[in-house]
């Protein structure tokens, strides 16, 4: 029985369901390394997200990710459960610190 339970825990820890149980990544404050922890985001997309943020300020909603070059509607479906924009009050100071415009 213990072996079964260990196998079950290992399965969920390594499965996409296990990954979704983790805390969502705030796309308004995450650095490149944190963004690359999101399933479906590599170095190029992480840098594109950061560049978009610098040029346009913080994301108002997760769906705004489709404005980033290389991220489309299909990608958004997979990314949505893994990301957040955080609260409006915490996003603006982070964008200013990163050199972006606060909206």
N, C-alpha and C. Protein backbone atom coordinates (compact mmCIF):
# COMPACT_ATOMS: atom_id res chain seq x y z
N UNK A 1 0.81 -1.19 0.00
CA UNK A 1 0.00 0.00 0.00
C UNK A 1 0.86 1.26 0.00
N UNK A 2 1.94 1.27 0.79
CA UNK A 2 2.82 2.43 0.82
C UNK A 2 3.47 2.65 -0.55
N UNK A 3 3.81 1.58 -1.18
CA UNK A 3 4.44 1.68 -2.51
C UNK A 3 3.47 2.31 -3.51
N UNK A 4 2.22 1.90 -3.43
CA UNK A 4 1.19 2.47 -4.30
C UNK A 4 1.04 3.97 -4.05
N UNK A 5 0.97 4.37 -2.79
CA UNK A 5 0.82 5.78 -2.45
C UNK A 5 2.02 6.61 -2.91
N UNK A 6 3.22 6.07 -2.74
CA UNK A 6 4.42 6.78 -3.21
C UNK A 6 4.38 6.93 -4.73
N UNK A 7 3.96 5.89 -5.42
CA UNK A 7 3.85 5.96 -6.88
C UNK A 7 2.82 7.00 -7.30
N UNK A 8 1.71 7.04 -6.60
CA UNK A 8 0.66 8.00 -6.90
C UNK A 8 1.14 9.44 -6.68
N UNK A 9 1.83 9.67 -5.59
CA UNK A 9 2.38 11.01 -5.31
C UNK A 9 3.39 11.38 -6.38
N UNK A 10 4.25 10.50 -6.75
CA UNK A 10 5.25 10.76 -7.78
C UNK A 10 4.59 11.04 -9.12
N UNK A 11 3.55 10.30 -9.45
CA UNK A 11 2.83 10.52 -10.70
C UNK A 11 2.29 11.94 -10.77
N UNK A 12 1.60 12.37 -9.70
CA UNK A 12 1.00 13.71 -9.71
C UNK A 12 2.06 14.80 -9.65
N UNK A 13 3.16 14.54 -9.00
CA UNK A 13 4.23 15.54 -8.94
C UNK A 13 4.85 15.77 -10.31
N UNK A 14 4.91 14.74 -11.13
CA UNK A 14 5.54 14.85 -12.44
C UNK A 14 4.56 15.10 -13.57
N UNK A 15 3.28 15.02 -13.30
CA UNK A 15 2.28 15.20 -14.34
C UNK A 15 1.91 16.68 -14.49
N UNK A 16 1.28 17.05 -15.61
CA UNK A 16 0.83 18.43 -15.77
C UNK A 16 -0.13 18.87 -14.68
N UNK A 17 -0.95 17.95 -14.17
CA UNK A 17 -1.85 18.29 -13.07
C UNK A 17 -1.07 18.70 -11.84
N UNK A 18 0.03 18.04 -11.59
CA UNK A 18 0.87 18.39 -10.46
C UNK A 18 1.50 19.76 -10.65
N UNK A 19 1.89 20.07 -11.87
CA UNK A 19 2.48 21.37 -12.15
C UNK A 19 1.46 22.49 -11.97
N UNK A 20 0.19 22.22 -12.32
CA UNK A 20 -0.84 23.23 -12.18
C UNK A 20 -1.16 23.53 -10.72
N UNK A 21 -0.81 22.64 -9.84
CA UNK A 21 -1.09 22.86 -8.43
C UNK A 21 -0.15 23.91 -7.85
N UNK A 22 0.93 24.24 -8.55
CA UNK A 22 1.87 25.24 -8.08
C UNK A 22 1.25 26.63 -8.19
N UNK A 23 1.83 27.55 -7.47
CA UNK A 23 1.38 28.93 -7.48
C UNK A 23 1.58 29.53 -8.88
N UNK A 24 0.59 30.24 -9.42
CA UNK A 24 0.75 30.86 -10.74
C UNK A 24 1.87 31.91 -10.72
N UNK A 25 2.52 32.07 -11.85
CA UNK A 25 3.61 33.04 -11.99
C UNK A 25 3.01 34.39 -12.38
N UNK A 26 3.42 35.45 -11.69
CA UNK A 26 2.94 36.79 -11.99
C UNK A 26 3.73 37.32 -13.19
N UNK A 27 3.06 37.46 -14.32
CA UNK A 27 3.75 37.89 -15.54
C UNK A 27 4.13 39.37 -15.51
N UNK A 28 3.65 40.10 -14.52
CA UNK A 28 4.01 41.51 -14.38
C UNK A 28 5.27 41.73 -13.56
N UNK A 29 5.67 40.74 -12.80
CA UNK A 29 6.83 40.91 -11.91
C UNK A 29 7.92 39.87 -12.12
N UNK A 30 7.62 38.78 -12.81
CA UNK A 30 8.58 37.67 -12.96
C UNK A 30 9.75 38.05 -13.85
N UNK A 31 10.93 37.57 -13.47
CA UNK A 31 12.09 37.75 -14.32
C UNK A 31 12.13 36.61 -15.35
N UNK A 32 13.14 36.62 -16.20
CA UNK A 32 13.23 35.63 -17.28
C UNK A 32 13.26 34.21 -16.75
N UNK A 33 14.04 33.97 -15.70
CA UNK A 33 14.14 32.61 -15.14
C UNK A 33 12.80 32.12 -14.62
N UNK A 34 12.06 32.99 -13.94
CA UNK A 34 10.75 32.61 -13.41
C UNK A 34 9.77 32.35 -14.55
N UNK A 35 9.80 33.18 -15.58
CA UNK A 35 8.90 32.98 -16.72
C UNK A 35 9.19 31.67 -17.43
N UNK A 36 10.45 31.27 -17.48
CA UNK A 36 10.82 30.03 -18.16
C UNK A 36 10.39 28.79 -17.38
N UNK A 37 9.96 28.97 -16.14
CA UNK A 37 9.43 27.84 -15.36
C UNK A 37 8.01 27.50 -15.79
N UNK A 38 7.39 28.38 -16.56
CA UNK A 38 6.03 28.15 -17.05
C UNK A 38 6.11 27.18 -18.22
N UNK A 39 5.31 26.14 -18.18
CA UNK A 39 5.28 25.16 -19.26
C UNK A 39 4.84 25.85 -20.55
N UNK A 40 5.69 25.84 -21.56
CA UNK A 40 5.38 26.47 -22.84
C UNK A 40 6.11 27.79 -23.06
N UNK A 41 6.88 28.25 -22.06
CA UNK A 41 7.64 29.48 -22.19
C UNK A 41 9.13 29.15 -22.14
N UNK A 42 9.82 29.47 -23.21
CA UNK A 42 11.27 29.31 -23.26
C UNK A 42 11.93 30.67 -23.13
N UNK A 43 13.22 30.71 -23.39
CA UNK A 43 13.99 31.95 -23.25
C UNK A 43 13.47 33.06 -24.17
N UNK A 44 13.18 32.72 -25.42
CA UNK A 44 12.74 33.74 -26.38
C UNK A 44 11.40 34.35 -25.98
N UNK A 45 10.44 33.52 -25.59
CA UNK A 45 9.13 34.05 -25.18
C UNK A 45 9.23 34.81 -23.86
N UNK A 46 10.06 34.33 -22.95
CA UNK A 46 10.25 35.04 -21.68
C UNK A 46 10.79 36.44 -21.95
N UNK A 47 11.78 36.54 -22.82
CA UNK A 47 12.35 37.84 -23.16
C UNK A 47 11.34 38.72 -23.88
N UNK A 48 10.50 38.11 -24.73
CA UNK A 48 9.47 38.88 -25.43
C UNK A 48 8.45 39.43 -24.44
N UNK A 49 8.09 38.66 -23.43
CA UNK A 49 7.16 39.12 -22.40
C UNK A 49 7.76 40.30 -21.65
N UNK A 50 9.03 40.20 -21.27
CA UNK A 50 9.69 41.27 -20.54
C UNK A 50 9.81 42.53 -21.41
N UNK A 51 10.16 42.37 -22.66
CA UNK A 51 10.27 43.52 -23.57
C UNK A 51 8.91 44.19 -23.76
N UNK A 52 7.87 43.39 -23.91
CA UNK A 52 6.52 43.94 -24.05
C UNK A 52 6.16 44.75 -22.80
N UNK A 53 6.47 44.18 -21.64
CA UNK A 53 6.18 44.84 -20.37
C UNK A 53 6.92 46.16 -20.24
N UNK A 54 8.19 46.19 -20.66
CA UNK A 54 8.98 47.42 -20.61
C UNK A 54 8.39 48.49 -21.52
N UNK A 55 7.96 48.09 -22.68
CA UNK A 55 7.45 49.04 -23.67
C UNK A 55 6.02 49.50 -23.39
N UNK A 56 5.20 48.64 -22.79
CA UNK A 56 3.77 48.92 -22.66
C UNK A 56 3.24 48.98 -21.24
N UNK A 57 4.07 48.71 -20.27
CA UNK A 57 3.61 48.68 -18.89
C UNK A 57 3.05 47.31 -18.54
N UNK A 58 2.51 47.19 -17.33
CA UNK A 58 2.04 45.88 -16.86
C UNK A 58 0.83 45.38 -17.64
N UNK A 59 0.69 44.08 -17.65
CA UNK A 59 -0.47 43.45 -18.27
C UNK A 59 -1.69 43.71 -17.39
N UNK A 60 -2.78 44.13 -17.99
CA UNK A 60 -4.01 44.37 -17.24
C UNK A 60 -4.72 43.05 -16.93
N UNK A 61 -4.59 42.10 -17.86
CA UNK A 61 -5.23 40.79 -17.68
C UNK A 61 -4.38 39.75 -18.40
N UNK A 62 -4.52 38.51 -17.99
CA UNK A 62 -3.73 37.41 -18.56
C UNK A 62 -3.93 37.32 -20.07
N UNK A 63 -5.14 37.59 -20.53
CA UNK A 63 -5.46 37.49 -21.96
C UNK A 63 -4.62 38.45 -22.81
N UNK A 64 -4.05 39.48 -22.20
CA UNK A 64 -3.19 40.42 -22.93
C UNK A 64 -1.90 39.79 -23.41
N UNK A 65 -1.59 38.60 -22.94
CA UNK A 65 -0.39 37.90 -23.42
C UNK A 65 -0.40 37.69 -24.93
N UNK A 66 -1.58 37.65 -25.55
CA UNK A 66 -1.64 37.45 -27.00
C UNK A 66 -1.07 38.65 -27.76
N UNK A 67 -0.85 39.76 -27.07
CA UNK A 67 -0.23 40.94 -27.70
C UNK A 67 1.28 40.79 -27.82
N UNK A 68 1.83 39.79 -27.13
CA UNK A 68 3.27 39.53 -27.17
C UNK A 68 3.58 38.71 -28.42
N UNK A 69 4.56 39.15 -29.22
CA UNK A 69 4.92 38.38 -30.41
C UNK A 69 5.30 36.94 -30.04
N UNK A 70 4.73 35.99 -30.76
CA UNK A 70 5.02 34.58 -30.51
C UNK A 70 4.03 33.88 -29.60
N UNK A 71 3.08 34.62 -29.04
CA UNK A 71 2.05 34.02 -28.19
C UNK A 71 0.70 34.28 -28.82
N UNK A 72 0.04 33.19 -29.18
CA UNK A 72 -1.27 33.29 -29.81
C UNK A 72 -2.35 32.71 -28.92
N UNK A 73 -3.54 32.61 -29.49
CA UNK A 73 -4.70 32.11 -28.74
C UNK A 73 -4.49 30.67 -28.24
N UNK A 74 -3.88 29.81 -29.08
CA UNK A 74 -3.65 28.42 -28.66
C UNK A 74 -2.69 28.37 -27.48
N UNK A 75 -1.63 29.16 -27.55
CA UNK A 75 -0.68 29.20 -26.44
C UNK A 75 -1.36 29.72 -25.17
N UNK A 76 -2.19 30.73 -25.32
CA UNK A 76 -2.86 31.32 -24.18
C UNK A 76 -3.70 30.30 -23.42
N UNK A 77 -4.36 29.41 -24.13
CA UNK A 77 -5.18 28.38 -23.48
C UNK A 77 -4.33 27.55 -22.51
N UNK A 78 -3.11 27.22 -22.91
CA UNK A 78 -2.23 26.42 -22.07
C UNK A 78 -1.57 27.24 -20.97
N UNK A 79 -1.35 28.52 -21.23
CA UNK A 79 -0.66 29.37 -20.27
C UNK A 79 -1.57 29.88 -19.15
N UNK A 80 -2.83 30.12 -19.46
CA UNK A 80 -3.75 30.76 -18.50
C UNK A 80 -3.75 30.15 -17.10
N UNK A 81 -3.80 28.83 -16.96
CA UNK A 81 -3.83 28.27 -15.60
C UNK A 81 -2.52 28.45 -14.84
N UNK A 82 -1.45 28.80 -15.55
CA UNK A 82 -0.13 28.87 -14.94
C UNK A 82 0.32 30.28 -14.61
N UNK A 83 -0.46 31.29 -15.02
CA UNK A 83 -0.01 32.67 -14.85
C UNK A 83 -1.08 33.54 -14.19
N UNK A 84 -0.63 34.67 -13.68
CA UNK A 84 -1.52 35.67 -13.09
C UNK A 84 -0.92 37.04 -13.38
N UNK A 85 -1.72 38.06 -13.25
CA UNK A 85 -1.21 39.43 -13.37
C UNK A 85 -1.09 40.06 -11.98
N UNK A 86 -1.51 39.35 -10.96
CA UNK A 86 -1.43 39.88 -9.61
C UNK A 86 -2.44 40.99 -9.41
N UNK A 87 -2.34 41.67 -8.31
CA UNK A 87 -3.26 42.77 -8.04
C UNK A 87 -2.78 44.02 -8.77
N UNK A 88 -3.68 44.90 -9.07
CA UNK A 88 -3.34 46.13 -9.78
C UNK A 88 -2.37 46.98 -8.98
N UNK A 89 -2.46 46.93 -7.66
CA UNK A 89 -1.59 47.77 -6.84
C UNK A 89 -0.16 47.25 -6.82
N UNK A 90 0.04 45.94 -6.94
CA UNK A 90 1.40 45.41 -6.92
C UNK A 90 2.04 45.44 -8.30
N UNK A 91 1.26 45.50 -9.37
CA UNK A 91 1.82 45.48 -10.72
C UNK A 91 2.46 46.80 -11.10
N UNK A 92 1.85 47.92 -10.73
CA UNK A 92 2.36 49.23 -11.15
C UNK A 92 3.74 49.52 -10.59
N UNK A 93 4.03 49.31 -9.28
CA UNK A 93 5.38 49.57 -8.80
C UNK A 93 6.42 48.66 -9.44
N UNK A 94 6.05 47.42 -9.73
CA UNK A 94 6.99 46.50 -10.35
C UNK A 94 7.33 46.96 -11.75
N UNK A 95 6.35 47.48 -12.48
CA UNK A 95 6.60 47.95 -13.84
C UNK A 95 7.49 49.18 -13.82
N UNK A 96 7.25 50.08 -12.85
CA UNK A 96 8.09 51.27 -12.76
C UNK A 96 9.53 50.89 -12.44
N UNK A 97 9.71 49.91 -11.56
CA UNK A 97 11.04 49.46 -11.20
C UNK A 97 11.73 48.82 -12.40
N UNK A 98 10.95 48.20 -13.28
CA UNK A 98 11.51 47.56 -14.46
C UNK A 98 11.69 48.55 -15.60
N UNK A 99 11.26 49.80 -15.40
CA UNK A 99 11.43 50.80 -16.44
C UNK A 99 10.25 50.94 -17.36
N UNK A 100 9.12 50.29 -17.03
CA UNK A 100 7.93 50.35 -17.87
C UNK A 100 7.03 51.49 -17.46
N UNK A 101 5.96 51.68 -18.20
CA UNK A 101 4.97 52.71 -17.90
C UNK A 101 3.86 52.10 -17.08
N UNK A 102 3.47 52.74 -16.02
CA UNK A 102 2.32 52.30 -15.23
C UNK A 102 1.07 52.88 -15.86
N UNK A 103 0.01 52.08 -15.94
CA UNK A 103 -1.25 52.55 -16.53
C UNK A 103 -2.23 52.87 -15.45
